[in-house]
Amino acid sequence: MRLPTYADALLRIWHTDDPPGLRLSGQIDLTNQTALMGQLLALNGAPADVTVDLREVTFLNFAALHALVSYAELLGAGRRLVLHTRAPVVGQMLLACGWDRPELRLPLLEEASDE
């Protein structure tokens, strides 16, 4: 198993190869959103869309969501930031702030069954 490229008391971040991006687990808040942006910026060499897997994130504040949107705006033409989440509230937060943009794609995933 791969070690996280970032870890603190609340959040762990792993780089993913297929698809290129990040997998996050824990809570994203003011204490670690700068680290999140640093990890995102380290992906700038990725040739395609960048995927961020938020399915294991239990808390995401507006400032952290803004960091994700800001990163999406930095991507070159034809590239997008793809967010995977189990929580529809992330999409609702994007809409409420007017941050639903073409460079940000949000596939909402169904809750996994316990079976």
PDB file of N, CA and C in Angstrom:
ATOM      1  N   MET A   1       0.841  -1.183   0.000  1.00  0.00           N
ATOM      2  CA  MET A   1       0.000   0.000   0.000  1.00  0.00           C
ATOM      3  C   MET A   1       0.887   1.247   0.000  1.00  0.00           C
ATOM      4  N   ARG A   2       0.494   2.207  -0.763  1.00  0.00           N
ATOM      5  CA  ARG A   2       1.222   3.471  -0.879  1.00  0.00           C
ATOM      6  C   ARG A   2       1.066   4.321   0.371  1.00  0.00           C
ATOM      7  N   LEU A   3       2.133   4.982   0.752  1.00  0.00           N
ATOM      8  CA  LEU A   3       2.064   5.916   1.876  1.00  0.00           C
ATOM      9  C   LEU A   3       1.480   7.235   1.395  1.00  0.00           C
ATOM     10  N   PRO A   4       0.767   7.947   2.271  1.00  0.00           N
ATOM     11  CA  PRO A   4       0.239   9.256   1.870  1.00  0.00           C
ATOM     12  C   PRO A   4       1.381  10.222   1.549  1.00  0.00           C
ATOM     13  N   THR A   5       1.130  11.124   0.601  1.00  0.00           N
ATOM     14  CA  THR A   5       2.108  12.169   0.298  1.00  0.00           C
ATOM     15  C   THR A   5       1.947  13.335   1.263  1.00  0.00           C
ATOM     16  N   TYR A   6       0.818  13.355   1.979  1.00  0.00           N
ATOM     17  CA  TYR A   6       0.579  14.360   3.017  1.00  0.00           C
ATOM     18  C   TYR A   6      -0.272  13.707   4.095  1.00  0.00           C
ATOM     19  N   ALA A   7       0.048  14.003   5.351  1.00  0.00           N
ATOM     20  CA  ALA A   7      -0.763  13.506   6.464  1.00  0.00           C
ATOM     21  C   ALA A   7      -0.633  14.457   7.642  1.00  0.00           C
ATOM     22  N   ASP A   8      -1.774  14.763   8.255  1.00  0.00           N
ATOM     23  CA  ASP A   8      -1.789  15.485   9.523  1.00  0.00           C
ATOM     24  C   ASP A   8      -2.840  14.816  10.401  1.00  0.00           C
ATOM     25  N   ALA A   9      -3.191  15.437  11.501  1.00  0.00           N
ATOM     26  CA  ALA A   9      -4.143  14.828  12.433  1.00  0.00           C
ATOM     27  C   ALA A   9      -5.530  14.647  11.819  1.00  0.00           C
ATOM     28  N   LEU A  10      -5.870  15.443  10.800  1.00  0.00           N
ATOM     29  CA  LEU A  10      -7.217  15.411  10.229  1.00  0.00           C
ATOM     30  C   LEU A  10      -7.304  14.842   8.819  1.00  0.00           C
ATOM     31  N   LEU A  11      -6.245  14.951   8.045  1.00  0.00           N
ATOM     32  CA  LEU A  11      -6.327  14.662   6.612  1.00  0.00           C
ATOM     33  C   LEU A  11      -5.135  13.850   6.133  1.00  0.00           C
ATOM     34  N   ARG A  12      -5.431  12.909   5.236  1.00  0.00           N
ATOM     35  CA  ARG A  12      -4.390  12.167   4.524  1.00  0.00           C
ATOM     36  C   ARG A  12      -4.645  12.319   3.029  1.00  0.00           C
ATOM     37  N   ILE A  13      -3.563  12.486   2.249  1.00  0.00           N
ATOM     38  CA  ILE A  13      -3.672  12.666   0.801  1.00  0.00           C
ATOM     39  C   ILE A  13      -2.711  11.702   0.112  1.00  0.00           C
ATOM     40  N   TRP A  14      -3.226  10.985  -0.878  1.00  0.00           N
ATOM     41  CA  TRP A  14      -2.426  10.100  -1.711  1.00  0.00           C
ATOM     42  C   TRP A  14      -2.502  10.587  -3.151  1.00  0.00           C
ATOM     43  N   HIS A  15      -1.398  10.485  -3.885  1.00  0.00           N
ATOM     44  CA  HIS A  15      -1.424  10.733  -5.326  1.00  0.00           C
ATOM     45  C   HIS A  15      -1.913   9.460  -6.006  1.00  0.00           C
ATOM     46  N   THR A  16      -2.698   9.608  -7.062  1.00  0.00           N
ATOM     47  CA  THR A  16      -3.190   8.469  -7.826  1.00  0.00           C
ATOM     48  C   THR A  16      -2.669   8.580  -9.256  1.00  0.00           C
ATOM     49  N   ASP A  17      -2.437   7.428  -9.877  1.00  0.00           N
ATOM     50  CA  ASP A  17      -1.925   7.405 -11.248  1.00  0.00           C
ATOM     51  C   ASP A  17      -3.025   7.219 -12.278  1.00  0.00           C
ATOM     52  N   ASP A  18      -4.010   6.398 -11.961  1.00  0.00           N
ATOM     53  CA  ASP A  18      -5.061   6.090 -12.927  1.00  0.00           C
ATOM     54  C   ASP A  18      -6.416   6.132 -12.239  1.00  0.00           C
ATOM     55  N   PRO A  19      -7.113   7.223 -12.361  1.00  0.00           N
ATOM     56  CA  PRO A  19      -6.789   8.424 -13.136  1.00  0.00           C
ATOM     57  C   PRO A  19      -5.809   9.311 -12.375  1.00  0.00           C
ATOM     58  N   PRO A  20      -5.099  10.203 -13.090  1.00  0.00           N
ATOM     59  CA  PRO A  20      -4.173  11.094 -12.405  1.00  0.00           C
ATOM     60  C   PRO A  20      -4.908  12.029 -11.454  1.00  0.00           C
ATOM     61  N   GLY A  21      -4.412  12.118 -10.235  1.00  0.00           N
ATOM     62  CA  GLY A  21      -5.072  13.001  -9.276  1.00  0.00           C
ATOM     63  C   GLY A  21      -4.706  12.684  -7.847  1.00  0.00           C
ATOM     64  N   LEU A  22      -5.684  12.905  -6.963  1.00  0.00           N
ATOM     65  CA  LEU A  22      -5.502  12.725  -5.529  1.00  0.00           C
ATOM     66  C   LEU A  22      -6.663  11.943  -4.939  1.00  0.00           C
ATOM     67  N   ARG A  23      -6.365  11.192  -3.881  1.00  0.00           N
ATOM     68  CA  ARG A  23      -7.401  10.571  -3.050  1.00  0.00           C
ATOM     69  C   ARG A  23      -7.233  11.144  -1.658  1.00  0.00           C
ATOM     70  N   LEU A  24      -8.330  11.637  -1.083  1.00  0.00           N
ATOM     71  CA  LEU A  24      -8.291  12.277   0.229  1.00  0.00           C
ATOM     72  C   LEU A  24      -9.131  11.498   1.225  1.00  0.00           C
ATOM     73  N   SER A  25      -8.694  11.524   2.480  1.00  0.00           N
ATOM     74  CA  SER A  25      -9.431  10.873   3.548  1.00  0.00           C
ATOM     75  C   SER A  25      -9.342  11.741   4.794  1.00  0.00           C
ATOM     76  N   GLY A  26     -10.498  12.018   5.397  1.00  0.00           N
ATOM     77  CA  GLY A  26     -10.515  12.795   6.631  1.00  0.00           C
ATOM     78  C   GLY A  26     -11.257  14.105   6.478  1.00  0.00           C
ATOM     79  N   GLN A  27     -10.711  15.152   7.091  1.00  0.00           N
ATOM     80  CA  GLN A  27     -11.366  16.456   7.123  1.00  0.00           C
ATOM     81  C   GLN A  27     -10.468  17.522   6.507  1.00  0.00           C
ATOM     82  N   ILE A  28     -11.081  18.388   5.672  1.00  0.00           N
ATOM     83  CA  ILE A  28     -10.346  19.496   5.058  1.00  0.00           C
ATOM     84  C   ILE A  28     -10.880  20.781   5.663  1.00  0.00           C
ATOM     85  N   ASP A  29      -9.983  21.527   6.316  1.00  0.00           N
ATOM     86  CA  ASP A  29     -10.394  22.791   6.934  1.00  0.00           C
ATOM     87  C   ASP A  29      -9.261  23.803   6.808  1.00  0.00           C
ATOM     88  N   LEU A  30      -9.350  24.888   7.560  1.00  0.00           N
ATOM     89  CA  LEU A  30      -8.345  25.951   7.477  1.00  0.00           C
ATOM     90  C   LEU A  30      -6.938  25.474   7.820  1.00  0.00           C
ATOM     91  N   THR A  31      -6.833  24.435   8.634  1.00  0.00           N
ATOM     92  CA  THR A  31      -5.511  23.988   9.071  1.00  0.00           C
ATOM     93  C   THR A  31      -4.745  23.243   7.983  1.00  0.00           C
ATOM     94  N   ASN A  32      -5.436  22.727   6.972  1.00  0.00           N
ATOM     95  CA  ASN A  32      -4.739  21.918   5.971  1.00  0.00           C
ATOM     96  C   ASN A  32      -5.092  22.263   4.522  1.00  0.00           C
ATOM     97  N   GLN A  33      -5.889  23.298   4.298  1.00  0.00           N
ATOM     98  CA  GLN A  33      -6.265  23.615   2.918  1.00  0.00           C
ATOM     99  C   GLN A  33      -5.075  24.115   2.097  1.00  0.00           C
ATOM    100  N   THR A  34      -4.085  24.741   2.726  1.00  0.00           N
ATOM    101  CA  THR A  34      -2.881  25.159   1.999  1.00  0.00           C
ATOM    102  C   THR A  34      -2.107  23.933   1.526  1.00  0.00           C
ATOM    103  N   ALA A  35      -2.037  22.916   2.368  1.00  0.00           N
ATOM    104  CA  ALA A  35      -1.377  21.669   1.978  1.00  0.00           C
ATOM    105  C   ALA A  35      -2.124  21.017   0.820  1.00  0.00           C
ATOM    106  N   LEU A  36      -3.455  21.064   0.851  1.00  0.00           N
ATOM    107  CA  LEU A  36      -4.244  20.519  -0.255  1.00  0.00           C
ATOM    108  C   LEU A  36      -3.885  21.236  -1.551  1.00  0.00           C
ATOM    109  N   MET A  37      -3.839  22.563  -1.522  1.00  0.00           N
ATOM    110  CA  MET A  37      -3.512  23.313  -2.733  1.00  0.00           C
ATOM    111  C   MET A  37      -2.105  22.969  -3.211  1.00  0.00           C
ATOM    112  N   GLY A  38      -1.171  22.796  -2.296  1.00  0.00           N
ATOM    113  CA  GLY A  38       0.183  22.393  -2.675  1.00  0.00           C
ATOM    114  C   GLY A  38       0.206  21.046  -3.373  1.00  0.00           C
ATOM    115  N   GLN A  39      -0.578  20.105  -2.869  1.00  0.00           N
ATOM    116  CA  GLN A  39      -0.662  18.782  -3.490  1.00  0.00           C
ATOM    117  C   GLN A  39      -1.298  18.874  -4.876  1.00  0.00           C
ATOM    118  N   LEU A  40      -2.313  19.723  -5.018  1.00  0.00           N
ATOM    119  CA  LEU A  40      -2.941  19.921  -6.328  1.00  0.00           C
ATOM    120  C   LEU A  40      -1.946  20.537  -7.316  1.00  0.00           C
ATOM    121  N   LEU A  41      -1.225  21.553  -6.883  1.00  0.00           N
ATOM    122  CA  LEU A  41      -0.267  22.216  -7.775  1.00  0.00           C
ATOM    123  C   LEU A  41       0.848  21.272  -8.217  1.00  0.00           C
ATOM    124  N   ALA A  42       1.158  20.281  -7.395  1.00  0.00           N
ATOM    125  CA  ALA A  42       2.169  19.286  -7.761  1.00  0.00           C
ATOM    126  C   ALA A  42       1.702  18.411  -8.918  1.00  0.00           C
ATOM    127  N   LEU A  43       0.413  18.438  -9.235  1.00  0.00           N
ATOM    128  CA  LEU A  43      -0.146  17.635 -10.325  1.00  0.00           C
ATOM    129  C   LEU A  43      -0.148  18.368 -11.658  1.00  0.00           C
ATOM    130  N   ASN A  44       0.393  19.558 -11.721  1.00  0.00           N
ATOM    131  CA  ASN A  44       0.297  20.368 -12.931  1.00  0.00           C
ATOM    132  C   ASN A  44       0.863  19.704 -14.171  1.00  0.00           C
ATOM    133  N   GLY A  45       1.728  18.722 -14.031  1.00  0.00           N
ATOM    134  CA  GLY A  45       2.273  18.029 -15.193  1.00  0.00           C
ATOM    135  C   GLY A  45       1.362  16.953 -15.748  1.00  0.00           C
ATOM    136  N   ALA A  46       0.246  16.689 -15.086  1.00  0.00           N
ATOM    137  CA  ALA A  46      -0.672  15.645 -15.562  1.00  0.00           C
ATOM    138  C   ALA A  46      -1.206  16.031 -16.940  1.00  0.00           C
ATOM    139  N   PRO A  47      -1.202  15.087 -17.902  1.00  0.00           N
ATOM    140  CA  PRO A  47      -1.593  15.418 -19.268  1.00  0.00           C
ATOM    141  C   PRO A  47      -3.100  15.522 -19.499  1.00  0.00           C
ATOM    142  N   ALA A  48      -3.891  15.035 -18.579  1.00  0.00           N
ATOM    143  CA  ALA A  48      -5.338  14.969 -18.803  1.00  0.00           C
ATOM    144  C   ALA A  48      -6.079  15.650 -17.664  1.00  0.00           C
ATOM    145  N   ASP A  49      -7.372  15.355 -17.578  1.00  0.00           N
ATOM    146  CA  ASP A  49      -8.163  15.851 -16.458  1.00  0.00           C
ATOM    147  C   ASP A  49      -7.534  15.374 -15.151  1.00  0.00           C
ATOM    148  N   VAL A  50      -7.744  16.124 -14.098  1.00  0.00           N
ATOM    149  CA  VAL A  50      -7.246  15.773 -12.767  1.00  0.00           C
ATOM    150  C   VAL A  50      -8.443  15.355 -11.926  1.00  0.00           C
ATOM    151  N   THR A  51      -8.352  14.197 -11.302  1.00  0.00           N
ATOM    152  CA  THR A  51      -9.442  13.662 -10.493  1.00  0.00           C
ATOM    153  C   THR A  51      -9.090  13.767  -9.018  1.00  0.00           C
ATOM    154  N   VAL A  52     -10.039  14.261  -8.225  1.00  0.00           N
ATOM    155  CA  VAL A  52      -9.875  14.297  -6.773  1.00  0.00           C
ATOM    156  C   VAL A  52     -10.990  13.451  -6.171  1.00  0.00           C
ATOM    157  N   ASP A  53     -10.593  12.384  -5.498  1.00  0.00           N
ATOM    158  CA  ASP A  53     -11.535  11.458  -4.876  1.00  0.00           C
ATOM    159  C   ASP A  53     -11.800  11.922  -3.447  1.00  0.00           C
ATOM    160  N   LEU A  54     -13.003  12.433  -3.224  1.00  0.00           N
ATOM    161  CA  LEU A  54     -13.414  12.943  -1.910  1.00  0.00           C
ATOM    162  C   LEU A  54     -14.327  11.959  -1.172  1.00  0.00           C
ATOM    163  N   ARG A  55     -14.433  10.724  -1.652  1.00  0.00           N
ATOM    164  CA  ARG A  55     -15.397   9.784  -1.071  1.00  0.00           C
ATOM    165  C   ARG A  55     -15.117   9.453   0.384  1.00  0.00           C
ATOM    166  N   GLU A  56     -13.875   9.640   0.843  1.00  0.00           N
ATOM    167  CA  GLU A  56     -13.547   9.359   2.245  1.00  0.00           C
ATOM    168  C   GLU A  56     -13.407  10.638   3.068  1.00  0.00           C
ATOM    169  N   VAL A  57     -13.813  11.770   2.503  1.00  0.00           N
ATOM    170  CA  VAL A  57     -13.756  13.045   3.222  1.00  0.00           C
ATOM    171  C   VAL A  57     -15.035  13.195   4.038  1.00  0.00           C
ATOM    172  N   THR A  58     -14.881  13.479   5.329  1.00  0.00           N
ATOM    173  CA  THR A  58     -16.038  13.597   6.219  1.00  0.00           C
ATOM    174  C   THR A  58     -16.420  15.038   6.508  1.00  0.00           C
ATOM    175  N   PHE A  59     -15.530  15.980   6.191  1.00  0.00           N
ATOM    176  CA  PHE A  59     -15.827  17.404   6.386  1.00  0.00           C
ATOM    177  C   PHE A  59     -15.045  18.201   5.360  1.00  0.00           C
ATOM    178  N   LEU A  60     -15.713  19.200   4.770  1.00  0.00           N
ATOM    179  CA  LEU A  60     -15.096  20.073   3.774  1.00  0.00           C
ATOM    180  C   LEU A  60     -15.670  21.461   3.979  1.00  0.00           C
ATOM    181  N   ASN A  61     -14.822  22.435   4.350  1.00  0.00           N
ATOM    182  CA  ASN A  61     -15.358  23.784   4.552  1.00  0.00           C
ATOM    183  C   ASN A  61     -15.375  24.554   3.230  1.00  0.00           C
ATOM    184  N   PHE A  62     -16.016  25.726   3.234  1.00  0.00           N
ATOM    185  CA  PHE A  62     -16.130  26.511   2.005  1.00  0.00           C
ATOM    186  C   PHE A  62     -14.767  26.964   1.496  1.00  0.00           C
ATOM    187  N   ALA A  63     -13.850  27.288   2.388  1.00  0.00           N
ATOM    188  CA  ALA A  63     -12.522  27.728   1.956  1.00  0.00           C
ATOM    189  C   ALA A  63     -11.795  26.609   1.207  1.00  0.00           C
ATOM    190  N   ALA A  64     -11.941  25.373   1.667  1.00  0.00           N
ATOM    191  CA  ALA A  64     -11.323  24.244   0.979  1.00  0.00           C
ATOM    192  C   ALA A  64     -11.979  24.023  -0.380  1.00  0.00           C
ATOM    193  N   LEU A  65     -13.291  24.164  -0.431  1.00  0.00           N
ATOM    194  CA  LEU A  65     -13.994  24.045  -1.705  1.00  0.00           C
ATOM    195  C   LEU A  65     -13.537  25.142  -2.664  1.00  0.00           C
ATOM    196  N   HIS A  66     -13.334  26.340  -2.140  1.00  0.00           N
ATOM    197  CA  HIS A  66     -12.834  27.443  -2.966  1.00  0.00           C
ATOM    198  C   HIS A  66     -11.441  27.125  -3.512  1.00  0.00           C
ATOM    199  N   ALA A  67     -10.598  26.472  -2.712  1.00  0.00           N
ATOM    200  CA  ALA A  67      -9.270  26.069  -3.183  1.00  0.00           C
ATOM    201  C   ALA A  67      -9.393  25.107  -4.364  1.00  0.00           C
ATOM    202  N   LEU A  68     -10.339  24.169  -4.294  1.00  0.00           N
ATOM    203  CA  LEU A  68     -10.553  23.238  -5.403  1.00  0.00           C
ATOM    204  C   LEU A  68     -11.005  23.979  -6.657  1.00  0.00           C
ATOM    205  N   VAL A  69     -11.930  24.915  -6.496  1.00  0.00           N
ATOM    206  CA  VAL A  69     -12.427  25.688  -7.639  1.00  0.00           C
ATOM    207  C   VAL A  69     -11.299  26.540  -8.222  1.00  0.00           C
ATOM    208  N   SER A  70     -10.497  27.150  -7.372  1.00  0.00           N
ATOM    209  CA  SER A  70      -9.373  27.969  -7.842  1.00  0.00           C
ATOM    210  C   SER A  70      -8.390  27.127  -8.648  1.00  0.00           C
ATOM    211  N   TYR A  71      -8.129  25.912  -8.178  1.00  0.00           N
ATOM    212  CA  TYR A  71      -7.237  25.023  -8.922  1.00  0.00           C
ATOM    213  C   TYR A  71      -7.852  24.670 -10.275  1.00  0.00           C
ATOM    214  N   ALA A  72      -9.150  24.389 -10.302  1.00  0.00           N
ATOM    215  CA  ALA A  72      -9.821  24.056 -11.566  1.00  0.00           C
ATOM    216  C   ALA A  72      -9.653  25.185 -12.574  1.00  0.00           C
ATOM    217  N   GLU A  73      -9.703  26.417 -12.094  1.00  0.00           N
ATOM    218  CA  GLU A  73      -9.552  27.571 -12.985  1.00  0.00           C
ATOM    219  C   GLU A  73      -8.134  27.692 -13.534  1.00  0.00           C
ATOM    220  N   LEU A  74      -7.148  27.117 -12.851  1.00  0.00           N
ATOM    221  CA  LEU A  74      -5.758  27.170 -13.304  1.00  0.00           C
ATOM    222  C   LEU A  74      -5.444  26.146 -14.388  1.00  0.00           C
ATOM    223  N   LEU A  75      -6.290  25.135 -14.528  1.00  0.00           N
ATOM    224  CA  LEU A  75      -6.028  24.088 -15.514  1.00  0.00           C
ATOM    225  C   LEU A  75      -6.108  24.669 -16.920  1.00  0.00           C
ATOM    226  N   GLY A  76      -5.311  24.133 -17.813  1.00  0.00           N
ATOM    227  CA  GLY A  76      -5.294  24.617 -19.191  1.00  0.00           C
ATOM    228  C   GLY A  76      -6.583  24.300 -19.928  1.00  0.00           C
ATOM    229  N   ALA A  77      -6.707  24.891 -21.094  1.00  0.00           N
ATOM    230  CA  ALA A  77      -7.896  24.694 -21.928  1.00  0.00           C
ATOM    231  C   ALA A  77      -8.114  23.207 -22.206  1.00  0.00           C
ATOM    232  N   GLY A  78      -9.354  22.788 -22.093  1.00  0.00           N
ATOM    233  CA  GLY A  78      -9.708  21.405 -22.359  1.00  0.00           C
ATOM    234  C   GLY A  78      -9.468  20.453 -21.204  1.00  0.00           C
ATOM    235  N   ARG A  79      -8.906  20.935 -20.110  1.00  0.00           N
ATOM    236  CA  ARG A  79      -8.687  20.087 -18.931  1.00  0.00           C
ATOM    237  C   ARG A  79      -9.676  20.475 -17.849  1.00  0.00           C
ATOM    238  N   ARG A  80     -10.072  19.484 -17.050  1.00  0.00           N
ATOM    239  CA  ARG A  80     -11.031  19.734 -15.977  1.00  0.00           C
ATOM    240  C   ARG A  80     -10.564  19.086 -14.691  1.00  0.00           C
ATOM    241  N   LEU A  81     -11.116  19.591 -13.601  1.00  0.00           N
ATOM    242  CA  LEU A  81     -10.968  18.956 -12.301  1.00  0.00           C
ATOM    243  C   LEU A  81     -12.230  18.135 -12.084  1.00  0.00           C
ATOM    244  N   VAL A  82     -12.067  16.840 -11.872  1.00  0.00           N
ATOM    245  CA  VAL A  82     -13.193  15.933 -11.670  1.00  0.00           C
ATOM    246  C   VAL A  82     -13.227  15.554 -10.195  1.00  0.00           C
ATOM    247  N   LEU A  83     -14.329  15.875  -9.519  1.00  0.00           N
ATOM    248  CA  LEU A  83     -14.485  15.558  -8.100  1.00  0.00           C
ATOM    249  C   LEU A  83     -15.404  14.358  -7.945  1.00  0.00           C
ATOM    250  N   HIS A  84     -14.942  13.350  -7.233  1.00  0.00           N
ATOM    251  CA  HIS A  84     -15.778  12.195  -6.902  1.00  0.00           C
ATOM    252  C   HIS A  84     -16.160  12.315  -5.435  1.00  0.00           C
ATOM    253  N   THR A  85     -17.446  12.278  -5.166  1.00  0.00           N
ATOM    254  CA  THR A  85     -17.920  12.405  -3.791  1.00  0.00           C
ATOM    255  C   THR A  85     -19.154  11.548  -3.587  1.00  0.00           C
ATOM    256  N   ARG A  86     -19.386  11.150  -2.373  1.00  0.00           N
ATOM    257  CA  ARG A  86     -20.614  10.439  -2.016  1.00  0.00           C
ATOM    258  C   ARG A  86     -21.662  11.411  -1.498  1.00  0.00           C
ATOM    259  N   ALA A  87     -21.253  12.633  -1.214  1.00  0.00           N
ATOM    260  CA  ALA A  87     -22.147  13.590  -0.563  1.00  0.00           C
ATOM    261  C   ALA A  87     -22.686  14.613  -1.558  1.00  0.00           C
ATOM    262  N   PRO A  88     -23.990  14.639  -1.780  1.00  0.00           N
ATOM    263  CA  PRO A  88     -24.556  15.635  -2.685  1.00  0.00           C
ATOM    264  C   PRO A  88     -24.369  17.060  -2.184  1.00  0.00           C
ATOM    265  N   VAL A  89     -24.040  17.222  -0.906  1.00  0.00           N
ATOM    266  CA  VAL A  89     -23.867  18.562  -0.350  1.00  0.00           C
ATOM    267  C   VAL A  89     -22.714  19.305  -1.030  1.00  0.00           C
ATOM    268  N   VAL A  90     -21.703  18.595  -1.524  1.00  0.00           N
ATOM    269  CA  VAL A  90     -20.597  19.263  -2.216  1.00  0.00           C
ATOM    270  C   VAL A  90     -21.115  19.951  -3.472  1.00  0.00           C
ATOM    271  N   GLY A  91     -21.932  19.252  -4.245  1.00  0.00           N
ATOM    272  CA  GLY A  91     -22.543  19.857  -5.426  1.00  0.00           C
ATOM    273  C   GLY A  91     -23.447  21.018  -5.060  1.00  0.00           C
ATOM    274  N   GLN A  92     -24.187  20.875  -3.975  1.00  0.00           N
ATOM    275  CA  GLN A  92     -25.073  21.950  -3.520  1.00  0.00           C
ATOM    276  C   GLN A  92     -24.266  23.170  -3.093  1.00  0.00           C
ATOM    277  N   MET A  93     -23.118  22.952  -2.452  1.00  0.00           N
ATOM    278  CA  MET A  93     -22.255  24.065  -2.051  1.00  0.00           C
ATOM    279  C   MET A  93     -21.716  24.792  -3.287  1.00  0.00           C
ATOM    280  N   LEU A  94     -21.320  24.025  -4.308  1.00  0.00           N
ATOM    281  CA  LEU A  94     -20.824  24.635  -5.543  1.00  0.00           C
ATOM    282  C   LEU A  94     -21.894  25.500  -6.190  1.00  0.00           C
ATOM    283  N   LEU A  95     -23.111  24.985  -6.254  1.00  0.00           N
ATOM    284  CA  LEU A  95     -24.215  25.746  -6.848  1.00  0.00           C
ATOM    285  C   LEU A  95     -24.526  26.991  -6.036  1.00  0.00           C
ATOM    286  N   ALA A  96     -24.548  26.858  -4.722  1.00  0.00           N
ATOM    287  CA  ALA A  96     -24.888  27.990  -3.857  1.00  0.00           C
ATOM    288  C   ALA A  96     -23.891  29.135  -4.009  1.00  0.00           C
ATOM    289  N   CYS A  97     -22.644  28.799  -4.284  1.00  0.00           N
ATOM    290  CA  CYS A  97     -21.603  29.828  -4.426  1.00  0.00           C
ATOM    291  C   CYS A  97     -21.420  30.279  -5.871  1.00  0.00           C
ATOM    292  N   GLY A  98     -22.161  29.679  -6.792  1.00  0.00           N
ATOM    293  CA  GLY A  98     -21.989  30.015  -8.199  1.00  0.00           C
ATOM    294  C   GLY A  98     -20.695  29.469  -8.777  1.00  0.00           C
ATOM    295  N   TRP A  99     -20.172  28.392  -8.181  1.00  0.00           N
ATOM    296  CA  TRP A  99     -18.900  27.827  -8.613  1.00  0.00           C
ATOM    297  C   TRP A  99     -19.068  26.632  -9.537  1.00  0.00           C
ATOM    298  N   ASP A 100     -20.262  26.379 -10.020  1.00  0.00           N
ATOM    299  CA  ASP A 100     -20.461  25.280 -10.964  1.00  0.00           C
ATOM    300  C   ASP A 100     -20.030  25.788 -12.340  1.00  0.00           C
ATOM    301  N   ARG A 101     -18.862  25.357 -12.771  1.00  0.00           N
ATOM    302  CA  ARG A 101     -18.253  25.866 -13.999  1.00  0.00           C
ATOM    303  C   ARG A 101     -17.864  24.704 -14.899  1.00  0.00           C
ATOM    304  N   PRO A 102     -17.687  24.966 -16.199  1.00  0.00           N
ATOM    305  CA  PRO A 102     -17.326  23.879 -17.119  1.00  0.00           C
ATOM    306  C   PRO A 102     -16.017  23.179 -16.763  1.00  0.00           C
ATOM    307  N   GLU A 103     -15.078  23.897 -16.157  1.00  0.00           N
ATOM    308  CA  GLU A 103     -13.797  23.267 -15.845  1.00  0.00           C
ATOM    309  C   GLU A 103     -13.854  22.408 -14.580  1.00  0.00           C
ATOM    310  N   LEU A 104     -15.009  22.334 -13.956  1.00  0.00           N
ATOM    311  CA  LEU A 104     -15.190  21.556 -12.731  1.00  0.00           C
ATOM    312  C   LEU A 104     -16.331  20.571 -12.946  1.00  0.00           C
ATOM    313  N   ARG A 105     -16.014  19.291 -12.922  1.00  0.00           N
ATOM    314  CA  ARG A 105     -17.021  18.262 -13.141  1.00  0.00           C
ATOM    315  C   ARG A 105     -17.232  17.506 -11.832  1.00  0.00           C
ATOM    316  N   LEU A 106     -18.497  17.240 -11.511  1.00  0.00           N
ATOM    317  CA  LEU A 106     -18.812  16.603 -10.235  1.00  0.00           C
ATOM    318  C   LEU A 106     -19.729  15.406 -10.451  1.00  0.00           C
ATOM    319  N   PRO A 107     -19.159  14.203 -10.647  1.00  0.00           N
ATOM    320  CA  PRO A 107     -20.008  13.025 -10.725  1.00  0.00           C
ATOM    321  C   PRO A 107     -20.424  12.621  -9.309  1.00  0.00           C
ATOM    322  N   LEU A 108     -21.691  12.710  -9.012  1.00  0.00           N
ATOM    323  CA  LEU A 108     -22.168  12.302  -7.685  1.00  0.00           C
ATOM    324  C   LEU A 108     -22.349  10.794  -7.681  1.00  0.00           C
ATOM    325  N   LEU A 109     -21.732  10.165  -6.724  1.00  0.00           N
ATOM    326  CA  LEU A 109     -21.747   8.710  -6.664  1.00  0.00           C
ATOM    327  C   LEU A 109     -22.766   8.223  -5.655  1.00  0.00           C
ATOM    328  N   GLU A 110     -23.328   7.079  -5.945  1.00  0.00           N
ATOM    329  CA  GLU A 110     -24.279   6.452  -5.032  1.00  0.00           C
ATOM    330  C   GLU A 110     -23.536   5.932  -3.808  1.00  0.00           C
ATOM    331  N   GLU A 111     -24.217   5.930  -2.681  1.00  0.00           N
ATOM    332  CA  GLU A 111     -23.642   5.312  -1.487  1.00  0.00           C
ATOM    333  C   GLU A 111     -23.395   3.830  -1.776  1.00  0.00           C
ATOM    334  N   ALA A 112     -22.266   3.339  -1.358  1.00  0.00           N
ATOM    335  CA  ALA A 112     -21.965   1.922  -1.534  1.00  0.00           C
ATOM    336  C   ALA A 112     -22.855   1.108  -0.606  1.00  0.00           C
ATOM    337  N   SER A 113     -23.335  -0.017  -1.105  1.00  0.00           N
ATOM    338  CA  SER A 113     -24.177  -0.867  -0.263  1.00  0.00           C
ATOM    339  C   SER A 113     -23.296  -1.623   0.723  1.00  0.00           C
ATOM    340  N   ASP A 114     -23.895  -2.076   1.801  1.00  0.00           N
ATOM    341  CA  ASP A 114     -23.158  -2.817   2.823  1.00  0.00           C
ATOM    342  C   ASP A 114     -23.015  -4.291   2.470  1.00  0.00           C
ATOM    343  N   GLU A 115     -23.601  -4.693   1.371  1.00  0.00           N
ATOM    344  CA  GLU A 115     -23.556  -6.113   0.999  1.00  0.00           C
ATOM    345  C   GLU A 115     -22.247  -6.499   0.401  1.00  0.00           C
TER     346      GLU A 115
END
